[in-house]
Amino acid sequence: MRRVVREIPPGYVLAYGQVGRRMVPPTTGRIVGQIIAHETDDIPWWRVVNAQGELSIARRDPVLAQRQRAHLKAEGIELTEAGRVPLGHFLPEDE
């Protein structure tokens, strides 16, 4: 999982499920979310959001959500008024 998240370039995001499908062996987005919840800034965890572009972490930790927003903004990603990452910042699925 760490390798996959480290490969997300600045200014882009992946959904939890996209990360899971890129892992070997593949896993679910729910498992990815549980793993990322325990990560530190040595991997760019802030580049992983839910499939709708929402910051899922905001539901359980508003302080971490603010850090995620700040990291994304520093990388040129401005959230929509609804608090979502615009679709153009999602990396496409691997073919």
PDB file of N, CA and C in Angstrom:
ATOM      1  N   MET A   1       0.824  -1.176   0.000  1.00  0.00           N
ATOM      2  CA  MET A   1       0.000   0.000   0.000  1.00  0.00           C
ATOM      3  C   MET A   1       0.875   1.248   0.000  1.00  0.00           C
ATOM      4  N   ARG A   2       1.912   1.240   0.790  1.00  0.00           N
ATOM      5  CA  ARG A   2       2.794   2.404   0.854  1.00  0.00           C
ATOM      6  C   ARG A   2       3.372   2.737  -0.527  1.00  0.00           C
ATOM      7  N   ARG A   3       3.778   1.711  -1.272  1.00  0.00           N
ATOM      8  CA  ARG A   3       4.352   1.953  -2.599  1.00  0.00           C
ATOM      9  C   ARG A   3       3.336   2.635  -3.502  1.00  0.00           C
ATOM     10  N   VAL A   4       2.119   2.138  -3.496  1.00  0.00           N
ATOM     11  CA  VAL A   4       1.071   2.690  -4.358  1.00  0.00           C
ATOM     12  C   VAL A   4       0.816   4.154  -4.000  1.00  0.00           C
ATOM     13  N   VAL A   5       0.695   4.456  -2.721  1.00  0.00           N
ATOM     14  CA  VAL A   5       0.404   5.828  -2.302  1.00  0.00           C
ATOM     15  C   VAL A   5       1.592   6.751  -2.609  1.00  0.00           C
ATOM     16  N   ARG A   6       2.804   6.254  -2.424  1.00  0.00           N
ATOM     17  CA  ARG A   6       3.983   7.077  -2.753  1.00  0.00           C
ATOM     18  C   ARG A   6       4.051   7.418  -4.246  1.00  0.00           C
ATOM     19  N   GLU A   7       3.459   6.580  -5.100  1.00  0.00           N
ATOM     20  CA  GLU A   7       3.501   6.809  -6.545  1.00  0.00           C
ATOM     21  C   GLU A   7       2.454   7.816  -7.027  1.00  0.00           C
ATOM     22  N   ILE A   8       1.559   8.268  -6.159  1.00  0.00           N
ATOM     23  CA  ILE A   8       0.570   9.277  -6.564  1.00  0.00           C
ATOM     24  C   ILE A   8       1.306  10.610  -6.661  1.00  0.00           C
ATOM     25  N   PRO A   9       1.338  11.209  -7.848  1.00  0.00           N
ATOM     26  CA  PRO A   9       2.083  12.468  -7.991  1.00  0.00           C
ATOM     27  C   PRO A   9       1.381  13.638  -7.300  1.00  0.00           C
ATOM     28  N   PRO A  10       2.144  14.639  -6.881  1.00  0.00           N
ATOM     29  CA  PRO A  10       1.533  15.837  -6.296  1.00  0.00           C
ATOM     30  C   PRO A  10       0.490  16.415  -7.260  1.00  0.00           C
ATOM     31  N   GLY A  11      -0.618  16.881  -6.694  1.00  0.00           N
ATOM     32  CA  GLY A  11      -1.678  17.466  -7.505  1.00  0.00           C
ATOM     33  C   GLY A  11      -2.719  16.464  -7.964  1.00  0.00           C
ATOM     34  N   TYR A  12      -2.546  15.196  -7.558  1.00  0.00           N
ATOM     35  CA  TYR A  12      -3.484  14.143  -7.944  1.00  0.00           C
ATOM     36  C   TYR A  12      -3.880  13.333  -6.728  1.00  0.00           C
ATOM     37  N   VAL A  13      -4.992  12.625  -6.854  1.00  0.00           N
ATOM     38  CA  VAL A  13      -5.466  11.751  -5.792  1.00  0.00           C
ATOM     39  C   VAL A  13      -5.902  10.419  -6.382  1.00  0.00           C
ATOM     40  N   LEU A  14      -6.034   9.443  -5.496  1.00  0.00           N
ATOM     41  CA  LEU A  14      -6.672   8.174  -5.820  1.00  0.00           C
ATOM     42  C   LEU A  14      -7.746   7.936  -4.776  1.00  0.00           C
ATOM     43  N   ALA A  15      -8.779   7.216  -5.168  1.00  0.00           N
ATOM     44  CA  ALA A  15      -9.796   6.777  -4.212  1.00  0.00           C
ATOM     45  C   ALA A  15      -9.255   5.549  -3.481  1.00  0.00           C
ATOM     46  N   TYR A  16      -9.788   5.304  -2.290  1.00  0.00           N
ATOM     47  CA  TYR A  16      -9.351   4.144  -1.516  1.00  0.00           C
ATOM     48  C   TYR A  16      -9.429   2.864  -2.345  1.00  0.00           C
ATOM     49  N   GLY A  17     -10.516   2.689  -3.077  1.00  0.00           N
ATOM     50  CA  GLY A  17     -10.683   1.494  -3.900  1.00  0.00           C
ATOM     51  C   GLY A  17      -9.655   1.403  -5.010  1.00  0.00           C
ATOM     52  N   GLN A  18      -9.289   2.550  -5.594  1.00  0.00           N
ATOM     53  CA  GLN A  18      -8.258   2.543  -6.636  1.00  0.00           C
ATOM     54  C   GLN A  18      -6.925   2.082  -6.055  1.00  0.00           C
ATOM     55  N   VAL A  19      -6.601   2.558  -4.865  1.00  0.00           N
ATOM     56  CA  VAL A  19      -5.367   2.112  -4.210  1.00  0.00           C
ATOM     57  C   VAL A  19      -5.434   0.605  -3.996  1.00  0.00           C
ATOM     58  N   GLY A  20      -6.559   0.121  -3.481  1.00  0.00           N
ATOM     59  CA  GLY A  20      -6.712  -1.311  -3.220  1.00  0.00           C
ATOM     60  C   GLY A  20      -6.542  -2.160  -4.468  1.00  0.00           C
ATOM     61  N   ARG A  21      -7.078  -1.703  -5.586  1.00  0.00           N
ATOM     62  CA  ARG A  21      -6.967  -2.467  -6.833  1.00  0.00           C
ATOM     63  C   ARG A  21      -5.546  -2.462  -7.380  1.00  0.00           C
ATOM     64  N   ARG A  22      -4.733  -1.496  -7.005  1.00  0.00           N
ATOM     65  CA  ARG A  22      -3.345  -1.426  -7.475  1.00  0.00           C
ATOM     66  C   ARG A  22      -2.385  -2.194  -6.570  1.00  0.00           C
ATOM     67  N   MET A  23      -2.873  -2.681  -5.450  1.00  0.00           N
ATOM     68  CA  MET A  23      -2.021  -3.430  -4.531  1.00  0.00           C
ATOM     69  C   MET A  23      -1.865  -4.866  -5.011  1.00  0.00           C
ATOM     70  N   VAL A  24      -0.790  -5.507  -4.544  1.00  0.00           N
ATOM     71  CA  VAL A  24      -0.547  -6.907  -4.875  1.00  0.00           C
ATOM     72  C   VAL A  24      -0.427  -7.663  -3.562  1.00  0.00           C
ATOM     73  N   PRO A  25      -1.361  -8.560  -3.275  1.00  0.00           N
ATOM     74  CA  PRO A  25      -2.594  -8.824  -4.009  1.00  0.00           C
ATOM     75  C   PRO A  25      -3.593  -7.684  -3.790  1.00  0.00           C
ATOM     76  N   PRO A  26      -4.544  -7.538  -4.702  1.00  0.00           N
ATOM     77  CA  PRO A  26      -5.543  -6.473  -4.562  1.00  0.00           C
ATOM     78  C   PRO A  26      -6.343  -6.633  -3.272  1.00  0.00           C
ATOM     79  N   THR A  27      -6.829  -5.515  -2.764  1.00  0.00           N
ATOM     80  CA  THR A  27      -7.648  -5.527  -1.558  1.00  0.00           C
ATOM     81  C   THR A  27      -8.777  -4.511  -1.714  1.00  0.00           C
ATOM     82  N   THR A  28      -9.580  -4.364  -0.702  1.00  0.00           N
ATOM     83  CA  THR A  28     -10.726  -3.455  -0.773  1.00  0.00           C
ATOM     84  C   THR A  28     -10.352  -2.054  -0.297  1.00  0.00           C
ATOM     85  N   GLY A  29     -11.154  -1.098  -0.715  1.00  0.00           N
ATOM     86  CA  GLY A  29     -10.969   0.272  -0.263  1.00  0.00           C
ATOM     87  C   GLY A  29     -11.127   0.405   1.239  1.00  0.00           C
ATOM     88  N   ARG A  30     -11.999  -0.383   1.814  1.00  0.00           N
ATOM     89  CA  ARG A  30     -12.223  -0.344   3.266  1.00  0.00           C
ATOM     90  C   ARG A  30     -10.939  -0.722   4.012  1.00  0.00           C
ATOM     91  N   ILE A  31     -10.250  -1.747   3.538  1.00  0.00           N
ATOM     92  CA  ILE A  31      -8.982  -2.158   4.157  1.00  0.00           C
ATOM     93  C   ILE A  31      -7.947  -1.054   3.998  1.00  0.00           C
ATOM     94  N   VAL A  32      -7.877  -0.450   2.809  1.00  0.00           N
ATOM     95  CA  VAL A  32      -6.935   0.657   2.572  1.00  0.00           C
ATOM     96  C   VAL A  32      -7.202   1.779   3.565  1.00  0.00           C
ATOM     97  N   GLY A  33      -8.467   2.126   3.761  1.00  0.00           N
ATOM     98  CA  GLY A  33      -8.811   3.180   4.706  1.00  0.00           C
ATOM     99  C   GLY A  33      -8.363   2.865   6.119  1.00  0.00           C
ATOM    100  N   GLN A  34      -8.516   1.607   6.523  1.00  0.00           N
ATOM    101  CA  GLN A  34      -8.095   1.214   7.862  1.00  0.00           C
ATOM    102  C   GLN A  34      -6.579   1.313   8.015  1.00  0.00           C
ATOM    103  N   ILE A  35      -5.848   0.971   6.963  1.00  0.00           N
ATOM    104  CA  ILE A  35      -4.386   1.054   7.015  1.00  0.00           C
ATOM    105  C   ILE A  35      -3.941   2.508   7.026  1.00  0.00           C
ATOM    106  N   ILE A  36      -4.502   3.320   6.143  1.00  0.00           N
ATOM    107  CA  ILE A  36      -4.100   4.721   6.037  1.00  0.00           C
ATOM    108  C   ILE A  36      -4.393   5.484   7.322  1.00  0.00           C
ATOM    109  N   ALA A  37      -5.406   5.083   8.052  1.00  0.00           N
ATOM    110  CA  ALA A  37      -5.759   5.760   9.304  1.00  0.00           C
ATOM    111  C   ALA A  37      -4.607   5.756  10.302  1.00  0.00           C
ATOM    112  N   HIS A  38      -3.652   4.859  10.107  1.00  0.00           N
ATOM    113  CA  HIS A  38      -2.537   4.743  11.041  1.00  0.00           C
ATOM    114  C   HIS A  38      -1.220   5.229  10.450  1.00  0.00           C
ATOM    115  N   GLU A  39      -1.263   5.838   9.286  1.00  0.00           N
ATOM    116  CA  GLU A  39      -0.038   6.297   8.632  1.00  0.00           C
ATOM    117  C   GLU A  39       0.383   7.678   9.123  1.00  0.00           C
ATOM    118  N   THR A  40       1.632   7.971   8.904  1.00  0.00           N
ATOM    119  CA  THR A  40       2.192   9.277   9.235  1.00  0.00           C
ATOM    120  C   THR A  40       2.587   9.965   7.935  1.00  0.00           C
ATOM    121  N   ASP A  41       3.180  11.130   8.056  1.00  0.00           N
ATOM    122  CA  ASP A  41       3.507  11.921   6.864  1.00  0.00           C
ATOM    123  C   ASP A  41       4.676  11.372   6.051  1.00  0.00           C
ATOM    124  N   ASP A  42       5.198  10.199   6.382  1.00  0.00           N
ATOM    125  CA  ASP A  42       6.257   9.628   5.547  1.00  0.00           C
ATOM    126  C   ASP A  42       5.705   9.080   4.235  1.00  0.00           C
ATOM    127  N   ILE A  43       4.386   8.946   4.136  1.00  0.00           N
ATOM    128  CA  ILE A  43       3.738   8.681   2.847  1.00  0.00           C
ATOM    129  C   ILE A  43       2.657   9.752   2.671  1.00  0.00           C
ATOM    130  N   PRO A  44       2.332  10.118   1.431  1.00  0.00           N
ATOM    131  CA  PRO A  44       1.339  11.180   1.203  1.00  0.00           C
ATOM    132  C   PRO A  44      -0.097  10.696   1.344  1.00  0.00           C
ATOM    133  N   TRP A  45      -0.493  10.318   2.547  1.00  0.00           N
ATOM    134  CA  TRP A  45      -1.823   9.794   2.842  1.00  0.00           C
ATOM    135  C   TRP A  45      -2.924  10.754   2.424  1.00  0.00           C
ATOM    136  N   TRP A  46      -2.630  12.053   2.406  1.00  0.00           N
ATOM    137  CA  TRP A  46      -3.636  13.071   2.073  1.00  0.00           C
ATOM    138  C   TRP A  46      -4.070  12.985   0.617  1.00  0.00           C
ATOM    139  N   ARG A  47      -3.361  12.237  -0.215  1.00  0.00           N
ATOM    140  CA  ARG A  47      -3.726  12.082  -1.622  1.00  0.00           C
ATOM    141  C   ARG A  47      -4.709  10.942  -1.833  1.00  0.00           C
ATOM    142  N   VAL A  48      -5.257  10.386  -0.771  1.00  0.00           N
ATOM    143  CA  VAL A  48      -6.240   9.309  -0.872  1.00  0.00           C
ATOM    144  C   VAL A  48      -7.555   9.808  -0.277  1.00  0.00           C
ATOM    145  N   VAL A  49      -8.595   9.773  -1.106  1.00  0.00           N
ATOM    146  CA  VAL A  49      -9.919  10.267  -0.716  1.00  0.00           C
ATOM    147  C   VAL A  49     -10.956   9.210  -1.076  1.00  0.00           C
ATOM    148  N   ASN A  50     -12.211   9.459  -0.732  1.00  0.00           N
ATOM    149  CA  ASN A  50     -13.214   8.462  -1.118  1.00  0.00           C
ATOM    150  C   ASN A  50     -13.598   8.644  -2.592  1.00  0.00           C
ATOM    151  N   ALA A  51     -14.392   7.742  -3.111  1.00  0.00           N
ATOM    152  CA  ALA A  51     -14.716   7.718  -4.542  1.00  0.00           C
ATOM    153  C   ALA A  51     -15.470   8.952  -5.014  1.00  0.00           C
ATOM    154  N   GLN A  52     -16.088   9.686  -4.090  1.00  0.00           N
ATOM    155  CA  GLN A  52     -16.791  10.918  -4.451  1.00  0.00           C
ATOM    156  C   GLN A  52     -15.890  12.147  -4.300  1.00  0.00           C
ATOM    157  N   GLY A  53     -14.633  11.924  -3.923  1.00  0.00           N
ATOM    158  CA  GLY A  53     -13.701  13.031  -3.746  1.00  0.00           C
ATOM    159  C   GLY A  53     -13.760  13.667  -2.376  1.00  0.00           C
ATOM    160  N   GLU A  54     -14.504  13.058  -1.474  1.00  0.00           N
ATOM    161  CA  GLU A  54     -14.643  13.613  -0.129  1.00  0.00           C
ATOM    162  C   GLU A  54     -13.490  13.171   0.771  1.00  0.00           C
ATOM    163  N   LEU A  55     -13.215  13.999   1.773  1.00  0.00           N
ATOM    164  CA  LEU A  55     -12.203  13.670   2.757  1.00  0.00           C
ATOM    165  C   LEU A  55     -12.872  12.845   3.847  1.00  0.00           C
ATOM    166  N   SER A  56     -12.809  11.544   3.728  1.00  0.00           N
ATOM    167  CA  SER A  56     -13.498  10.648   4.667  1.00  0.00           C
ATOM    168  C   SER A  56     -13.021  10.848   6.092  1.00  0.00           C
ATOM    169  N   ILE A  57     -11.796  11.238   6.241  1.00  0.00           N
ATOM    170  CA  ILE A  57     -11.218  11.416   7.566  1.00  0.00           C
ATOM    171  C   ILE A  57     -11.932  12.523   8.348  1.00  0.00           C
ATOM    172  N   ALA A  58     -12.606  13.429   7.643  1.00  0.00           N
ATOM    173  CA  ALA A  58     -13.275  14.560   8.299  1.00  0.00           C
ATOM    174  C   ALA A  58     -14.346  14.091   9.277  1.00  0.00           C
ATOM    175  N   ARG A  59     -14.931  12.932   9.012  1.00  0.00           N
ATOM    176  CA  ARG A  59     -15.986  12.427   9.892  1.00  0.00           C
ATOM    177  C   ARG A  59     -15.459  12.019  11.258  1.00  0.00           C
ATOM    178  N   ARG A  60     -14.207  11.585  11.298  1.00  0.00           N
ATOM    179  CA  ARG A  60     -13.700  11.099  12.578  1.00  0.00           C
ATOM    180  C   ARG A  60     -12.650  11.994  13.205  1.00  0.00           C
ATOM    181  N   ASP A  61     -12.026  12.870  12.420  1.00  0.00           N
ATOM    182  CA  ASP A  61     -10.973  13.712  12.988  1.00  0.00           C
ATOM    183  C   ASP A  61     -10.885  15.032  12.226  1.00  0.00           C
ATOM    184  N   PRO A  62     -11.568  16.072  12.690  1.00  0.00           N
ATOM    185  CA  PRO A  62     -11.560  17.358  11.995  1.00  0.00           C
ATOM    186  C   PRO A  62     -10.165  17.987  11.894  1.00  0.00           C
ATOM    187  N   VAL A  63      -9.304  17.723  12.859  1.00  0.00           N
ATOM    188  CA  VAL A  63      -7.941  18.276  12.818  1.00  0.00           C
ATOM    189  C   VAL A  63      -7.158  17.650  11.671  1.00  0.00           C
ATOM    190  N   LEU A  64      -7.246  16.329  11.534  1.00  0.00           N
ATOM    191  CA  LEU A  64      -6.569  15.668  10.414  1.00  0.00           C
ATOM    192  C   LEU A  64      -7.172  16.101   9.081  1.00  0.00           C
ATOM    193  N   ALA A  65      -8.473  16.305   9.049  1.00  0.00           N
ATOM    194  CA  ALA A  65      -9.119  16.768   7.820  1.00  0.00           C
ATOM    195  C   ALA A  65      -8.565  18.135   7.417  1.00  0.00           C
ATOM    196  N   GLN A  66      -8.348  19.002   8.384  1.00  0.00           N
ATOM    197  CA  GLN A  66      -7.774  20.319   8.083  1.00  0.00           C
ATOM    198  C   GLN A  66      -6.351  20.170   7.547  1.00  0.00           C
ATOM    199  N   ARG A  67      -5.593  19.253   8.123  1.00  0.00           N
ATOM    200  CA  ARG A  67      -4.231  18.989   7.609  1.00  0.00           C
ATOM    201  C   ARG A  67      -4.291  18.461   6.183  1.00  0.00           C
ATOM    202  N   GLN A  68      -5.262  17.564   5.913  1.00  0.00           N
ATOM    203  CA  GLN A  68      -5.403  17.018   4.573  1.00  0.00           C
ATOM    204  C   GLN A  68      -5.731  18.138   3.587  1.00  0.00           C
ATOM    205  N   ARG A  69      -6.665  19.005   3.955  1.00  0.00           N
ATOM    206  CA  ARG A  69      -7.010  20.137   3.083  1.00  0.00           C
ATOM    207  C   ARG A  69      -5.787  21.008   2.805  1.00  0.00           C
ATOM    208  N   ALA A  70      -4.995  21.285   3.834  1.00  0.00           N
ATOM    209  CA  ALA A  70      -3.803  22.129   3.679  1.00  0.00           C
ATOM    210  C   ALA A  70      -2.779  21.475   2.765  1.00  0.00           C
ATOM    211  N   HIS A  71      -2.550  20.169   2.931  1.00  0.00           N
ATOM    212  CA  HIS A  71      -1.617  19.445   2.052  1.00  0.00           C
ATOM    213  C   HIS A  71      -2.099  19.506   0.600  1.00  0.00           C
ATOM    214  N   LEU A  72      -3.384  19.238   0.386  1.00  0.00           N
ATOM    215  CA  LEU A  72      -3.923  19.245  -0.974  1.00  0.00           C
ATOM    216  C   LEU A  72      -3.817  20.634  -1.593  1.00  0.00           C
ATOM    217  N   LYS A  73      -4.154  21.658  -0.823  1.00  0.00           N
ATOM    218  CA  LYS A  73      -4.062  23.030  -1.325  1.00  0.00           C
ATOM    219  C   LYS A  73      -2.628  23.371  -1.696  1.00  0.00           C
ATOM    220  N   ALA A  74      -1.676  22.959  -0.886  1.00  0.00           N
ATOM    221  CA  ALA A  74      -0.261  23.214  -1.174  1.00  0.00           C
ATOM    222  C   ALA A  74       0.176  22.546  -2.479  1.00  0.00           C
ATOM    223  N   GLU A  75      -0.528  21.483  -2.874  1.00  0.00           N
ATOM    224  CA  GLU A  75      -0.220  20.776  -4.118  1.00  0.00           C
ATOM    225  C   GLU A  75      -1.080  21.270  -5.285  1.00  0.00           C
ATOM    226  N   GLY A  76      -1.838  22.342  -5.057  1.00  0.00           N
ATOM    227  CA  GLY A  76      -2.621  22.927  -6.134  1.00  0.00           C
ATOM    228  C   GLY A  76      -4.018  22.371  -6.284  1.00  0.00           C
ATOM    229  N   ILE A  77      -4.490  21.625  -5.312  1.00  0.00           N
ATOM    230  CA  ILE A  77      -5.841  21.066  -5.376  1.00  0.00           C
ATOM    231  C   ILE A  77      -6.753  21.894  -4.483  1.00  0.00           C
ATOM    232  N   GLU A  78      -7.662  22.616  -5.102  1.00  0.00           N
ATOM    233  CA  GLU A  78      -8.666  23.395  -4.377  1.00  0.00           C
ATOM    234  C   GLU A  78      -9.940  22.567  -4.325  1.00  0.00           C
ATOM    235  N   LEU A  79     -10.494  22.399  -3.145  1.00  0.00           N
ATOM    236  CA  LEU A  79     -11.731  21.634  -3.003  1.00  0.00           C
ATOM    237  C   LEU A  79     -12.916  22.445  -3.509  1.00  0.00           C
ATOM    238  N   THR A  80     -13.940  21.746  -3.949  1.00  0.00           N
ATOM    239  CA  THR A  80     -15.166  22.405  -4.393  1.00  0.00           C
ATOM    240  C   THR A  80     -15.892  22.990  -3.181  1.00  0.00           C
ATOM    241  N   GLU A  81     -16.948  23.750  -3.438  1.00  0.00           N
ATOM    242  CA  GLU A  81     -17.752  24.298  -2.339  1.00  0.00           C
ATOM    243  C   GLU A  81     -18.334  23.200  -1.464  1.00  0.00           C
ATOM    244  N   ALA A  82     -18.562  22.040  -2.046  1.00  0.00           N
ATOM    245  CA  ALA A  82     -19.090  20.901  -1.293  1.00  0.00           C
ATOM    246  C   ALA A  82     -17.990  20.171  -0.521  1.00  0.00           C
ATOM    247  N   GLY A  83     -16.740  20.647  -0.631  1.00  0.00           N
ATOM    248  CA  GLY A  83     -15.635  20.032   0.098  1.00  0.00           C
ATOM    249  C   GLY A  83     -15.069  18.789  -0.552  1.00  0.00           C
ATOM    250  N   ARG A  84     -15.194  18.704  -1.878  1.00  0.00           N
ATOM    251  CA  ARG A  84     -14.710  17.531  -2.614  1.00  0.00           C
ATOM    252  C   ARG A  84     -13.543  17.893  -3.531  1.00  0.00           C
ATOM    253  N   VAL A  85     -12.721  16.889  -3.810  1.00  0.00           N
ATOM    254  CA  VAL A  85     -11.655  17.040  -4.790  1.00  0.00           C
ATOM    255  C   VAL A  85     -12.298  16.967  -6.172  1.00  0.00           C
ATOM    256  N   PRO A  86     -12.048  17.949  -7.047  1.00  0.00           N
ATOM    257  CA  PRO A  86     -12.620  17.885  -8.402  1.00  0.00           C
ATOM    258  C   PRO A  86     -12.140  16.631  -9.146  1.00  0.00           C
ATOM    259  N   LEU A  87     -13.025  16.061  -9.947  1.00  0.00           N
ATOM    260  CA  LEU A  87     -12.728  14.811 -10.645  1.00  0.00           C
ATOM    261  C   LEU A  87     -11.459  14.871 -11.488  1.00  0.00           C
ATOM    262  N   GLY A  88     -11.116  16.032 -12.030  1.00  0.00           N
ATOM    263  CA  GLY A  88      -9.921  16.148 -12.869  1.00  0.00           C
ATOM    264  C   GLY A  88      -8.622  15.861 -12.145  1.00  0.00           C
ATOM    265  N   HIS A  89      -8.666  15.770 -10.832  1.00  0.00           N
ATOM    266  CA  HIS A  89      -7.456  15.479 -10.058  1.00  0.00           C
ATOM    267  C   HIS A  89      -7.308  14.000  -9.731  1.00  0.00           C
ATOM    268  N   PHE A  90      -8.301  13.181 -10.117  1.00  0.00           N
ATOM    269  CA  PHE A  90      -8.194  11.739  -9.888  1.00  0.00           C
ATOM    270  C   PHE A  90      -7.325  11.117 -10.966  1.00  0.00           C
ATOM    271  N   LEU A  91      -6.398  10.282 -10.570  1.00  0.00           N
ATOM    272  CA  LEU A  91      -5.643   9.513 -11.561  1.00  0.00           C
ATOM    273  C   LEU A  91      -6.578   8.486 -12.179  1.00  0.00           C
ATOM    274  N   PRO A  92      -6.429   8.217 -13.479  1.00  0.00           N
ATOM    275  CA  PRO A  92      -7.305   7.227 -14.114  1.00  0.00           C
ATOM    276  C   PRO A  92      -6.972   5.825 -13.628  1.00  0.00           C
ATOM    277  N   GLU A  93      -7.903   4.928 -13.819  1.00  0.00           N
ATOM    278  CA  GLU A  93      -7.662   3.509 -13.508  1.00  0.00           C
ATOM    279  C   GLU A  93      -6.557   2.981 -14.423  1.00  0.00           C
ATOM    280  N   ASP A  94      -5.784   2.044 -13.918  1.00  0.00           N
ATOM    281  CA  ASP A  94      -4.792   1.364 -14.764  1.00  0.00           C
ATOM    282  C   ASP A  94      -5.531   0.532 -15.793  1.00  0.00           C
ATOM    283  N   GLU A  95      -4.989   0.480 -16.962  1.00  0.00           N
ATOM    284  CA  GLU A  95      -5.609  -0.305 -18.041  1.00  0.00           C
ATOM    285  C   GLU A  95      -5.179  -1.746 -17.932  1.00  0.00           C
TER     286      GLU A  95
END
